[in-house]
Amino acid sequence: MRSILLPAFILFTSIGSAQTMPDIPTMDVDHSYGTECGFTRIVPAYRDSIEGYIKRNKFEDMDRWLRSDEDIKTVYAIEAFYRLKSELKMNEEQIQIILYYKENDVTITCCGRGIPEQCSSKVVLKKFDF
């Protein structure tokens, strides 16, 4: 699992030396939705995977992600289905899954510019109009 260190707080003591807080939070890049995460602009592993599925028209793998227990994989799959909608025909079950995530506030972690952000699938998927 790749992660990004979030900005650590620096504490200044009375003699002017600096020390960092012992528990520095991290952001799980692999399980975040977006194109680039953090100040270092790391591409999430799931983004790499779904882009590969799209490029190679791996419809079975995209369908597996659509039905995944991981909400983040489902959201990535919905984006992939949208981008390839002219090349495939969705069945009723796939449409129902997509509608559920588009109409309900399923919380996922999204990439931010330094800290992870909780976001709604409804908001993220708004731009993908089937």
N, C-alpha and C. Protein backbone atom coordinates (compact mmCIF):
# COMPACT_ATOMS: atom_id res chain seq x y z
N MET A 1 0.83 -1.17 0.00
CA MET A 1 0.00 0.00 0.00
C MET A 1 0.88 1.24 0.00
N ARG A 2 0.65 2.11 -0.96
CA ARG A 2 1.37 3.37 -1.00
C ARG A 2 0.60 4.39 -0.18
N SER A 3 1.31 5.30 0.44
CA SER A 3 0.63 6.34 1.20
C SER A 3 1.41 7.63 1.10
N ILE A 4 0.74 8.70 1.41
CA ILE A 4 1.36 10.01 1.41
C ILE A 4 1.38 10.52 2.84
N LEU A 5 2.53 11.02 3.28
CA LEU A 5 2.58 11.65 4.60
C LEU A 5 1.87 12.99 4.51
N LEU A 6 1.00 13.20 5.45
CA LEU A 6 0.31 14.48 5.50
C LEU A 6 1.20 15.46 6.26
N PRO A 7 1.00 16.76 6.06
CA PRO A 7 1.87 17.74 6.72
C PRO A 7 1.91 17.53 8.23
N ALA A 8 3.11 17.43 8.75
CA ALA A 8 3.29 17.25 10.19
C ALA A 8 3.29 18.62 10.85
N PHE A 9 2.79 18.65 12.05
CA PHE A 9 2.81 19.89 12.80
C PHE A 9 4.17 20.02 13.49
N ILE A 10 4.74 21.18 13.44
CA ILE A 10 6.02 21.43 14.07
C ILE A 10 5.78 22.18 15.37
N LEU A 11 6.33 21.66 16.41
CA LEU A 11 6.21 22.30 17.72
C LEU A 11 7.54 22.96 18.07
N PHE A 12 7.48 24.20 18.45
CA PHE A 12 8.69 24.90 18.84
C PHE A 12 8.78 24.95 20.35
N THR A 13 9.89 24.51 20.86
CA THR A 13 10.10 24.53 22.30
C THR A 13 10.69 25.87 22.71
N SER A 14 10.83 26.05 23.98
CA SER A 14 11.31 27.33 24.49
C SER A 14 12.73 27.64 24.06
N ILE A 15 13.53 26.62 23.71
CA ILE A 15 14.89 26.90 23.27
C ILE A 15 15.00 26.98 21.74
N GLY A 16 13.87 26.92 21.05
CA GLY A 16 13.87 27.14 19.62
C GLY A 16 14.08 25.90 18.77
N SER A 17 14.23 24.74 19.36
CA SER A 17 14.38 23.53 18.54
C SER A 17 12.99 23.06 18.10
N ALA A 18 12.95 22.33 17.03
CA ALA A 18 11.67 21.85 16.51
C ALA A 18 11.57 20.35 16.70
N GLN A 19 10.37 19.89 16.99
CA GLN A 19 10.15 18.45 17.05
C GLN A 19 8.82 18.16 16.37
N THR A 20 8.71 17.00 15.74
CA THR A 20 7.48 16.65 15.04
C THR A 20 6.58 15.84 15.95
N MET A 21 5.31 15.86 15.64
CA MET A 21 4.34 15.07 16.39
C MET A 21 4.63 13.60 16.10
N PRO A 22 4.48 12.71 17.07
CA PRO A 22 4.81 11.29 16.87
C PRO A 22 3.89 10.55 15.91
N ASP A 23 2.62 10.87 15.87
CA ASP A 23 1.67 10.17 15.01
C ASP A 23 1.33 11.04 13.82
N ILE A 24 2.01 10.80 12.70
CA ILE A 24 1.76 11.57 11.49
C ILE A 24 0.75 10.79 10.66
N PRO A 25 -0.42 11.38 10.39
CA PRO A 25 -1.43 10.65 9.61
C PRO A 25 -0.99 10.47 8.17
N THR A 26 -1.46 9.41 7.55
CA THR A 26 -1.15 9.16 6.15
C THR A 26 -2.45 9.01 5.36
N MET A 27 -2.33 9.18 4.07
CA MET A 27 -3.46 9.02 3.16
C MET A 27 -3.22 7.78 2.32
N ASP A 28 -4.16 6.86 2.29
CA ASP A 28 -4.05 5.66 1.49
C ASP A 28 -4.32 6.01 0.04
N VAL A 29 -3.27 6.11 -0.74
CA VAL A 29 -3.38 6.52 -2.13
C VAL A 29 -4.08 5.45 -2.97
N ASP A 30 -3.79 4.20 -2.72
CA ASP A 30 -4.32 3.13 -3.55
C ASP A 30 -5.84 3.03 -3.50
N HIS A 31 -6.45 3.44 -2.40
CA HIS A 31 -7.89 3.32 -2.22
C HIS A 31 -8.60 4.67 -2.23
N SER A 32 -8.10 5.59 -3.02
CA SER A 32 -8.69 6.92 -3.14
C SER A 32 -9.14 7.16 -4.56
N TYR A 33 -10.21 7.94 -4.71
CA TYR A 33 -10.73 8.25 -6.03
C TYR A 33 -10.13 9.56 -6.53
N GLY A 34 -9.66 9.56 -7.74
CA GLY A 34 -9.12 10.77 -8.35
C GLY A 34 -8.05 10.44 -9.37
N THR A 35 -7.48 11.47 -9.95
CA THR A 35 -6.43 11.26 -10.94
C THR A 35 -5.05 11.43 -10.34
N GLU A 36 -4.91 12.30 -9.35
CA GLU A 36 -3.64 12.53 -8.67
C GLU A 36 -3.93 12.86 -7.22
N CYS A 37 -3.08 12.35 -6.32
CA CYS A 37 -3.31 12.56 -4.89
C CYS A 37 -2.15 13.30 -4.23
N GLY A 38 -2.51 14.20 -3.38
CA GLY A 38 -1.52 14.89 -2.55
C GLY A 38 -0.66 15.88 -3.31
N PHE A 39 0.21 16.53 -2.53
CA PHE A 39 1.12 17.51 -3.11
C PHE A 39 2.09 16.86 -4.10
N THR A 40 2.37 15.57 -3.88
CA THR A 40 3.30 14.86 -4.75
C THR A 40 2.64 14.34 -6.02
N ARG A 41 1.33 14.47 -6.10
CA ARG A 41 0.55 14.11 -7.29
C ARG A 41 0.73 12.65 -7.70
N ILE A 42 0.61 11.76 -6.75
CA ILE A 42 0.72 10.32 -7.01
C ILE A 42 -0.59 9.83 -7.63
N VAL A 43 -0.49 9.05 -8.68
CA VAL A 43 -1.66 8.46 -9.32
C VAL A 43 -2.09 7.24 -8.50
N PRO A 44 -3.35 7.20 -8.06
CA PRO A 44 -3.81 6.04 -7.29
C PRO A 44 -3.69 4.74 -8.09
N ALA A 45 -3.36 3.66 -7.40
CA ALA A 45 -3.23 2.36 -8.06
C ALA A 45 -4.54 1.94 -8.72
N TYR A 46 -5.67 2.23 -8.08
CA TYR A 46 -6.96 1.89 -8.68
C TYR A 46 -7.18 2.68 -9.97
N ARG A 47 -6.70 3.92 -10.03
CA ARG A 47 -6.82 4.71 -11.27
C ARG A 47 -6.02 4.03 -12.38
N ASP A 48 -4.79 3.59 -12.05
CA ASP A 48 -3.98 2.88 -13.05
C ASP A 48 -4.70 1.64 -13.56
N SER A 49 -5.29 0.88 -12.65
CA SER A 49 -5.98 -0.36 -13.04
C SER A 49 -7.16 -0.08 -13.95
N ILE A 50 -8.00 0.87 -13.56
CA ILE A 50 -9.20 1.12 -14.36
C ILE A 50 -8.85 1.70 -15.72
N GLU A 51 -7.80 2.52 -15.79
CA GLU A 51 -7.37 3.05 -17.09
C GLU A 51 -6.91 1.91 -18.00
N GLY A 52 -6.24 0.92 -17.42
CA GLY A 52 -5.83 -0.26 -18.20
C GLY A 52 -7.02 -1.05 -18.71
N TYR A 53 -8.06 -1.21 -17.85
CA TYR A 53 -9.28 -1.91 -18.27
C TYR A 53 -9.96 -1.17 -19.42
N ILE A 54 -9.99 0.15 -19.32
CA ILE A 54 -10.63 0.95 -20.37
C ILE A 54 -9.85 0.84 -21.67
N LYS A 55 -8.54 0.98 -21.58
CA LYS A 55 -7.69 0.94 -22.79
C LYS A 55 -7.81 -0.40 -23.52
N ARG A 56 -7.91 -1.49 -22.75
CA ARG A 56 -7.95 -2.83 -23.35
C ARG A 56 -9.38 -3.38 -23.46
N ASN A 57 -10.39 -2.53 -23.20
CA ASN A 57 -11.79 -2.95 -23.25
C ASN A 57 -12.05 -4.21 -22.42
N LYS A 58 -11.57 -4.22 -21.20
CA LYS A 58 -11.74 -5.36 -20.29
C LYS A 58 -13.08 -5.25 -19.57
N PHE A 59 -14.17 -5.51 -20.30
CA PHE A 59 -15.51 -5.33 -19.77
C PHE A 59 -15.80 -6.26 -18.58
N GLU A 60 -15.27 -7.48 -18.62
CA GLU A 60 -15.50 -8.42 -17.52
C GLU A 60 -14.86 -7.91 -16.22
N ASP A 61 -13.66 -7.36 -16.32
CA ASP A 61 -13.00 -6.82 -15.13
C ASP A 61 -13.74 -5.59 -14.61
N MET A 62 -14.23 -4.74 -15.52
CA MET A 62 -15.00 -3.57 -15.10
C MET A 62 -16.30 -3.99 -14.42
N ASP A 63 -16.93 -5.04 -14.95
CA ASP A 63 -18.16 -5.56 -14.34
C ASP A 63 -17.88 -6.11 -12.94
N ARG A 64 -16.76 -6.80 -12.79
CA ARG A 64 -16.37 -7.33 -11.47
C ARG A 64 -16.19 -6.18 -10.47
N TRP A 65 -15.56 -5.08 -10.91
CA TRP A 65 -15.38 -3.91 -10.05
C TRP A 65 -16.72 -3.25 -9.75
N LEU A 66 -17.62 -3.22 -10.72
CA LEU A 66 -18.92 -2.61 -10.50
C LEU A 66 -19.67 -3.32 -9.38
N ARG A 67 -19.50 -4.62 -9.28
CA ARG A 67 -20.18 -5.44 -8.27
C ARG A 67 -19.35 -5.64 -7.00
N SER A 68 -18.23 -4.95 -6.89
CA SER A 68 -17.30 -5.11 -5.77
C SER A 68 -17.91 -4.65 -4.45
N ASP A 69 -17.42 -5.24 -3.36
CA ASP A 69 -17.81 -4.79 -2.02
C ASP A 69 -17.12 -3.48 -1.66
N GLU A 70 -16.08 -3.12 -2.40
CA GLU A 70 -15.37 -1.87 -2.15
C GLU A 70 -16.05 -0.75 -2.95
N ASP A 71 -16.65 0.19 -2.24
CA ASP A 71 -17.36 1.28 -2.91
C ASP A 71 -16.47 2.04 -3.88
N ILE A 72 -15.21 2.20 -3.54
CA ILE A 72 -14.29 2.97 -4.38
C ILE A 72 -14.11 2.28 -5.74
N LYS A 73 -14.02 0.96 -5.74
CA LYS A 73 -13.91 0.21 -7.00
C LYS A 73 -15.17 0.38 -7.84
N THR A 74 -16.32 0.36 -7.18
CA THR A 74 -17.58 0.53 -7.89
C THR A 74 -17.65 1.89 -8.56
N VAL A 75 -17.21 2.94 -7.85
CA VAL A 75 -17.24 4.29 -8.42
C VAL A 75 -16.29 4.38 -9.62
N TYR A 76 -15.10 3.80 -9.50
CA TYR A 76 -14.18 3.78 -10.65
C TYR A 76 -14.83 3.03 -11.83
N ALA A 77 -15.49 1.92 -11.55
CA ALA A 77 -16.12 1.14 -12.62
C ALA A 77 -17.24 1.93 -13.31
N ILE A 78 -17.99 2.69 -12.53
CA ILE A 78 -19.06 3.50 -13.12
C ILE A 78 -18.46 4.52 -14.08
N GLU A 79 -17.36 5.13 -13.69
CA GLU A 79 -16.68 6.06 -14.60
C GLU A 79 -16.25 5.34 -15.88
N ALA A 80 -15.71 4.13 -15.73
CA ALA A 80 -15.25 3.36 -16.90
C ALA A 80 -16.43 3.02 -17.82
N PHE A 81 -17.55 2.58 -17.23
CA PHE A 81 -18.74 2.27 -18.04
C PHE A 81 -19.22 3.52 -18.77
N TYR A 82 -19.16 4.66 -18.11
CA TYR A 82 -19.57 5.91 -18.76
C TYR A 82 -18.67 6.22 -19.96
N ARG A 83 -17.37 6.09 -19.74
CA ARG A 83 -16.43 6.43 -20.80
C ARG A 83 -16.53 5.49 -21.99
N LEU A 84 -17.01 4.27 -21.76
CA LEU A 84 -17.14 3.29 -22.85
C LEU A 84 -18.60 3.00 -23.21
N LYS A 85 -19.50 3.89 -22.79
CA LYS A 85 -20.93 3.60 -22.98
C LYS A 85 -21.33 3.38 -24.42
N SER A 86 -20.63 4.00 -25.36
CA SER A 86 -20.98 3.80 -26.78
C SER A 86 -20.51 2.44 -27.30
N GLU A 87 -19.62 1.77 -26.56
CA GLU A 87 -19.06 0.49 -27.01
C GLU A 87 -19.65 -0.72 -26.32
N LEU A 88 -20.53 -0.51 -25.35
CA LEU A 88 -21.09 -1.65 -24.64
C LEU A 88 -22.55 -1.44 -24.33
N LYS A 89 -23.22 -2.55 -24.09
CA LYS A 89 -24.62 -2.51 -23.70
C LYS A 89 -24.70 -3.01 -22.27
N MET A 90 -25.23 -2.16 -21.40
CA MET A 90 -25.35 -2.54 -19.99
C MET A 90 -26.64 -3.32 -19.76
N ASN A 91 -26.55 -4.30 -18.84
CA ASN A 91 -27.76 -5.04 -18.48
C ASN A 91 -28.49 -4.30 -17.34
N GLU A 92 -29.66 -4.78 -17.01
CA GLU A 92 -30.51 -4.11 -16.01
C GLU A 92 -29.84 -4.05 -14.63
N GLU A 93 -29.16 -5.11 -14.25
CA GLU A 93 -28.49 -5.13 -12.94
C GLU A 93 -27.38 -4.07 -12.87
N GLN A 94 -26.60 -3.95 -13.93
CA GLN A 94 -25.55 -2.93 -13.97
C GLN A 94 -26.14 -1.52 -13.88
N ILE A 95 -27.23 -1.30 -14.59
CA ILE A 95 -27.89 0.01 -14.54
C ILE A 95 -28.39 0.32 -13.14
N GLN A 96 -28.95 -0.68 -12.46
CA GLN A 96 -29.45 -0.47 -11.09
C GLN A 96 -28.32 -0.13 -10.12
N ILE A 97 -27.18 -0.78 -10.26
CA ILE A 97 -26.03 -0.47 -9.40
C ILE A 97 -25.57 0.96 -9.64
N ILE A 98 -25.47 1.34 -10.89
CA ILE A 98 -25.05 2.69 -11.25
C ILE A 98 -26.02 3.72 -10.69
N LEU A 99 -27.32 3.49 -10.85
CA LEU A 99 -28.32 4.43 -10.33
C LEU A 99 -28.25 4.55 -8.81
N TYR A 100 -28.00 3.43 -8.14
CA TYR A 100 -27.89 3.48 -6.67
C TYR A 100 -26.77 4.43 -6.24
N TYR A 101 -25.60 4.28 -6.85
CA TYR A 101 -24.45 5.11 -6.48
C TYR A 101 -24.62 6.57 -6.93
N LYS A 102 -25.34 6.79 -8.01
CA LYS A 102 -25.58 8.16 -8.49
C LYS A 102 -26.64 8.88 -7.65
N GLU A 103 -27.56 8.15 -7.06
CA GLU A 103 -28.68 8.76 -6.34
C GLU A 103 -28.52 8.76 -4.83
N ASN A 104 -27.53 8.05 -4.31
CA ASN A 104 -27.35 7.95 -2.86
C ASN A 104 -25.98 8.49 -2.46
N ASP A 105 -25.91 8.97 -1.23
CA ASP A 105 -24.66 9.52 -0.70
C ASP A 105 -23.81 8.42 -0.09
N VAL A 106 -23.11 7.68 -0.93
CA VAL A 106 -22.18 6.66 -0.46
C VAL A 106 -20.83 7.37 -0.27
N THR A 107 -20.29 7.31 0.93
CA THR A 107 -19.06 8.03 1.24
C THR A 107 -17.83 7.25 0.77
N ILE A 108 -16.97 7.95 0.03
CA ILE A 108 -15.70 7.38 -0.43
C ILE A 108 -14.60 8.38 -0.10
N THR A 109 -13.35 7.93 -0.17
CA THR A 109 -12.21 8.82 0.04
C THR A 109 -11.74 9.31 -1.32
N CYS A 110 -11.59 10.62 -1.43
CA CYS A 110 -11.14 11.24 -2.67
C CYS A 110 -9.77 11.86 -2.47
N CYS A 111 -9.02 11.96 -3.55
CA CYS A 111 -7.71 12.60 -3.50
C CYS A 111 -7.87 14.07 -3.18
N GLY A 112 -6.94 14.58 -2.43
CA GLY A 112 -6.91 16.00 -2.13
C GLY A 112 -5.52 16.53 -2.41
N ARG A 113 -5.30 17.76 -2.12
CA ARG A 113 -3.98 18.38 -2.33
C ARG A 113 -3.16 18.37 -1.04
N GLY A 114 -3.26 17.33 -0.28
CA GLY A 114 -2.46 17.24 0.93
C GLY A 114 -3.13 16.40 1.99
N ILE A 115 -4.44 16.44 2.04
CA ILE A 115 -5.17 15.63 3.00
C ILE A 115 -6.27 14.86 2.29
N PRO A 116 -6.63 13.68 2.80
CA PRO A 116 -7.73 12.93 2.18
C PRO A 116 -9.04 13.66 2.45
N GLU A 117 -9.94 13.53 1.54
CA GLU A 117 -11.25 14.16 1.68
C GLU A 117 -12.32 13.10 1.57
N GLN A 118 -13.28 13.17 2.45
CA GLN A 118 -14.44 12.30 2.32
C GLN A 118 -15.39 12.98 1.34
N CYS A 119 -15.85 12.23 0.36
CA CYS A 119 -16.77 12.81 -0.60
C CYS A 119 -17.89 11.81 -0.90
N SER A 120 -18.92 12.31 -1.53
CA SER A 120 -20.11 11.53 -1.82
C SER A 120 -20.06 10.99 -3.25
N SER A 121 -20.44 9.73 -3.40
CA SER A 121 -20.52 9.15 -4.74
C SER A 121 -21.51 9.94 -5.60
N LYS A 122 -22.54 10.43 -4.98
CA LYS A 122 -23.55 11.21 -5.70
C LYS A 122 -22.93 12.46 -6.34
N VAL A 123 -22.05 13.12 -5.61
CA VAL A 123 -21.39 14.32 -6.12
C VAL A 123 -20.35 13.96 -7.18
N VAL A 124 -19.53 12.96 -6.89
CA VAL A 124 -18.47 12.54 -7.82
C VAL A 124 -19.05 12.08 -9.15
N LEU A 125 -20.14 11.35 -9.11
CA LEU A 125 -20.71 10.75 -10.32
C LEU A 125 -21.70 11.66 -11.05
N LYS A 126 -21.93 12.83 -10.51
CA LYS A 126 -22.88 13.77 -11.13
C LYS A 126 -22.51 14.08 -12.58
N LYS A 127 -21.22 14.16 -12.86
CA LYS A 127 -20.76 14.53 -14.22
C LYS A 127 -20.90 13.39 -15.23
N PHE A 128 -21.18 12.19 -14.75
CA PHE A 128 -21.31 11.04 -15.65
C PHE A 128 -22.79 10.78 -15.91
N ASP A 129 -23.30 11.36 -16.97
CA ASP A 129 -24.72 11.28 -17.31
C ASP A 129 -24.94 10.17 -18.34
N PHE A 130 -25.61 9.13 -17.93
CA PHE A 130 -25.82 7.98 -18.81
C PHE A 130 -27.02 8.19 -19.69
